[in-house]
């Protein structure tokens, strides 16, 4: 839920969860996967603009309820 919440709020996310790459909303401009070798890249990630090209409308509760 945290990645979806960050997307709705147009906030960047830093995580160590590698499985996030499999999600349809994954965008390397918005989600940084932290590991022991890329700490020096966090600043660049945060300085870049949030990419709002992903539509989170499918994750709204009203749309979930329509599917049931």
C-alpha atoms as a PDB file:
ATOM      1  CA  UNK A   1       0.000   0.000   0.000  1.00  0.00           C
ATOM      2  CA  UNK A   2       2.873   2.401   0.675  1.00  0.00           C
ATOM      3  CA  UNK A   3       3.959   2.620  -2.992  1.00  0.00           C
ATOM      4  CA  UNK A   4       0.393   3.292  -4.128  1.00  0.00           C
ATOM      5  CA  UNK A   5      -0.066   5.928  -1.438  1.00  0.00           C
ATOM      6  CA  UNK A   6       3.175   7.626  -2.523  1.00  0.00           C
ATOM      7  CA  UNK A   7       1.977   7.605  -6.140  1.00  0.00           C
ATOM      8  CA  UNK A   8      -1.375   9.167  -5.240  1.00  0.00           C
ATOM      9  CA  UNK A   9       0.411  11.890  -3.302  1.00  0.00           C
ATOM     10  CA  UNK A  10       2.994  12.326  -6.080  1.00  0.00           C
ATOM     11  CA  UNK A  11       5.823  11.602  -3.662  1.00  0.00           C
ATOM     12  CA  UNK A  12       8.974   9.674  -4.390  1.00  0.00           C
ATOM     13  CA  UNK A  13       9.608   6.417  -2.571  1.00  0.00           C
ATOM     14  CA  UNK A  14      12.827   4.814  -1.365  1.00  0.00           C
ATOM     15  CA  UNK A  15      12.604   1.107  -0.621  1.00  0.00           C
ATOM     16  CA  UNK A  16      14.755  -1.995  -0.444  1.00  0.00           C
ATOM     17  CA  UNK A  17      11.972  -4.239  -1.761  1.00  0.00           C
ATOM     18  CA  UNK A  18      13.214  -5.673  -5.069  1.00  0.00           C
ATOM     19  CA  UNK A  19       9.823  -7.147  -5.965  1.00  0.00           C
ATOM     20  CA  UNK A  20       8.459  -3.621  -6.527  1.00  0.00           C
ATOM     21  CA  UNK A  21       9.934  -3.820 -10.045  1.00  0.00           C
ATOM     22  CA  UNK A  22       7.202  -6.329 -10.960  1.00  0.00           C
ATOM     23  CA  UNK A  23       4.371  -3.934 -10.122  1.00  0.00           C
ATOM     24  CA  UNK A  24       2.569  -2.114 -12.967  1.00  0.00           C
ATOM     25  CA  UNK A  25       3.074   1.260 -11.277  1.00  0.00           C
ATOM     26  CA  UNK A  26       6.851   0.861 -10.906  1.00  0.00           C
ATOM     27  CA  UNK A  27       8.777   3.758 -12.386  1.00  0.00           C
ATOM     28  CA  UNK A  28      12.478   4.173 -11.632  1.00  0.00           C
ATOM     29  CA  UNK A  29      11.997   7.960 -11.678  1.00  0.00           C
ATOM     30  CA  UNK A  30       9.610   7.679  -8.715  1.00  0.00           C
ATOM     31  CA  UNK A  31      10.755   4.593  -6.819  1.00  0.00           C
ATOM     32  CA  UNK A  32      14.368   4.134  -5.759  1.00  0.00           C
ATOM     33  CA  UNK A  33      15.455   0.641  -4.797  1.00  0.00           C
ATOM     34  CA  UNK A  34      18.146   1.059  -2.188  1.00  0.00           C
ATOM     35  CA  UNK A  35      21.011  -1.382  -1.960  1.00  0.00           C
ATOM     36  CA  UNK A  36      24.517  -1.297  -0.544  1.00  0.00           C
ATOM     37  CA  UNK A  37      25.999  -0.143  -3.858  1.00  0.00           C
ATOM     38  CA  UNK A  38      23.806   2.833  -4.781  1.00  0.00           C
ATOM     39  CA  UNK A  39      23.701   5.113  -1.732  1.00  0.00           C
ATOM     40  CA  UNK A  40      25.509   7.789  -3.709  1.00  0.00           C
ATOM     41  CA  UNK A  41      22.645   7.969  -6.245  1.00  0.00           C
ATOM     42  CA  UNK A  42      19.906   8.973  -3.778  1.00  0.00           C
ATOM     43  CA  UNK A  43      20.596  12.707  -4.117  1.00  0.00           C
ATOM     44  CA  UNK A  44      20.227  12.593  -7.921  1.00  0.00           C
ATOM     45  CA  UNK A  45      17.022  10.564  -7.581  1.00  0.00           C
ATOM     46  CA  UNK A  46      15.488  13.078  -5.188  1.00  0.00           C
ATOM     47  CA  UNK A  47      16.493  16.081  -7.293  1.00  0.00           C
ATOM     48  CA  UNK A  48      14.727  14.781 -10.407  1.00  0.00           C
ATOM     49  CA  UNK A  49      11.087  15.678 -10.947  1.00  0.00           C
ATOM     50  CA  UNK A  50       8.323  13.184 -10.096  1.00  0.00           C
ATOM     51  CA  UNK A  51       7.086  11.435 -13.244  1.00  0.00           C
ATOM     52  CA  UNK A  52       3.281  11.536 -13.107  1.00  0.00           C
ATOM     53  CA  UNK A  53       2.705   9.603 -16.325  1.00  0.00           C
ATOM     54  CA  UNK A  54       1.378   6.594 -14.400  1.00  0.00           C
ATOM     55  CA  UNK A  55      -2.371   6.719 -13.792  1.00  0.00           C
ATOM     56  CA  UNK A  56      -3.283   5.667 -10.262  1.00  0.00           C
ATOM     57  CA  UNK A  57      -7.036   5.967 -10.945  1.00  0.00           C
ATOM     58  CA  UNK A  58      -7.357   2.164 -11.079  1.00  0.00           C
ATOM     59  CA  UNK A  59      -6.236   2.027  -7.451  1.00  0.00           C
ATOM     60  CA  UNK A  60      -8.935   4.376  -6.123  1.00  0.00           C
ATOM     61  CA  UNK A  61     -11.393   2.673  -3.783  1.00  0.00           C
ATOM     62  CA  UNK A  62     -14.379   3.640  -5.941  1.00  0.00           C
ATOM     63  CA  UNK A  63     -12.854   1.801  -8.894  1.00  0.00           C
ATOM     64  CA  UNK A  64     -12.040  -1.223  -6.752  1.00  0.00           C
ATOM     65  CA  UNK A  65     -15.662  -1.420  -5.657  1.00  0.00           C
ATOM     66  CA  UNK A  66     -16.866  -1.253  -9.270  1.00  0.00           C
ATOM     67  CA  UNK A  67     -14.885  -4.425  -9.974  1.00  0.00           C
ATOM     68  CA  UNK A  68     -16.826  -6.409  -7.351  1.00  0.00           C
END
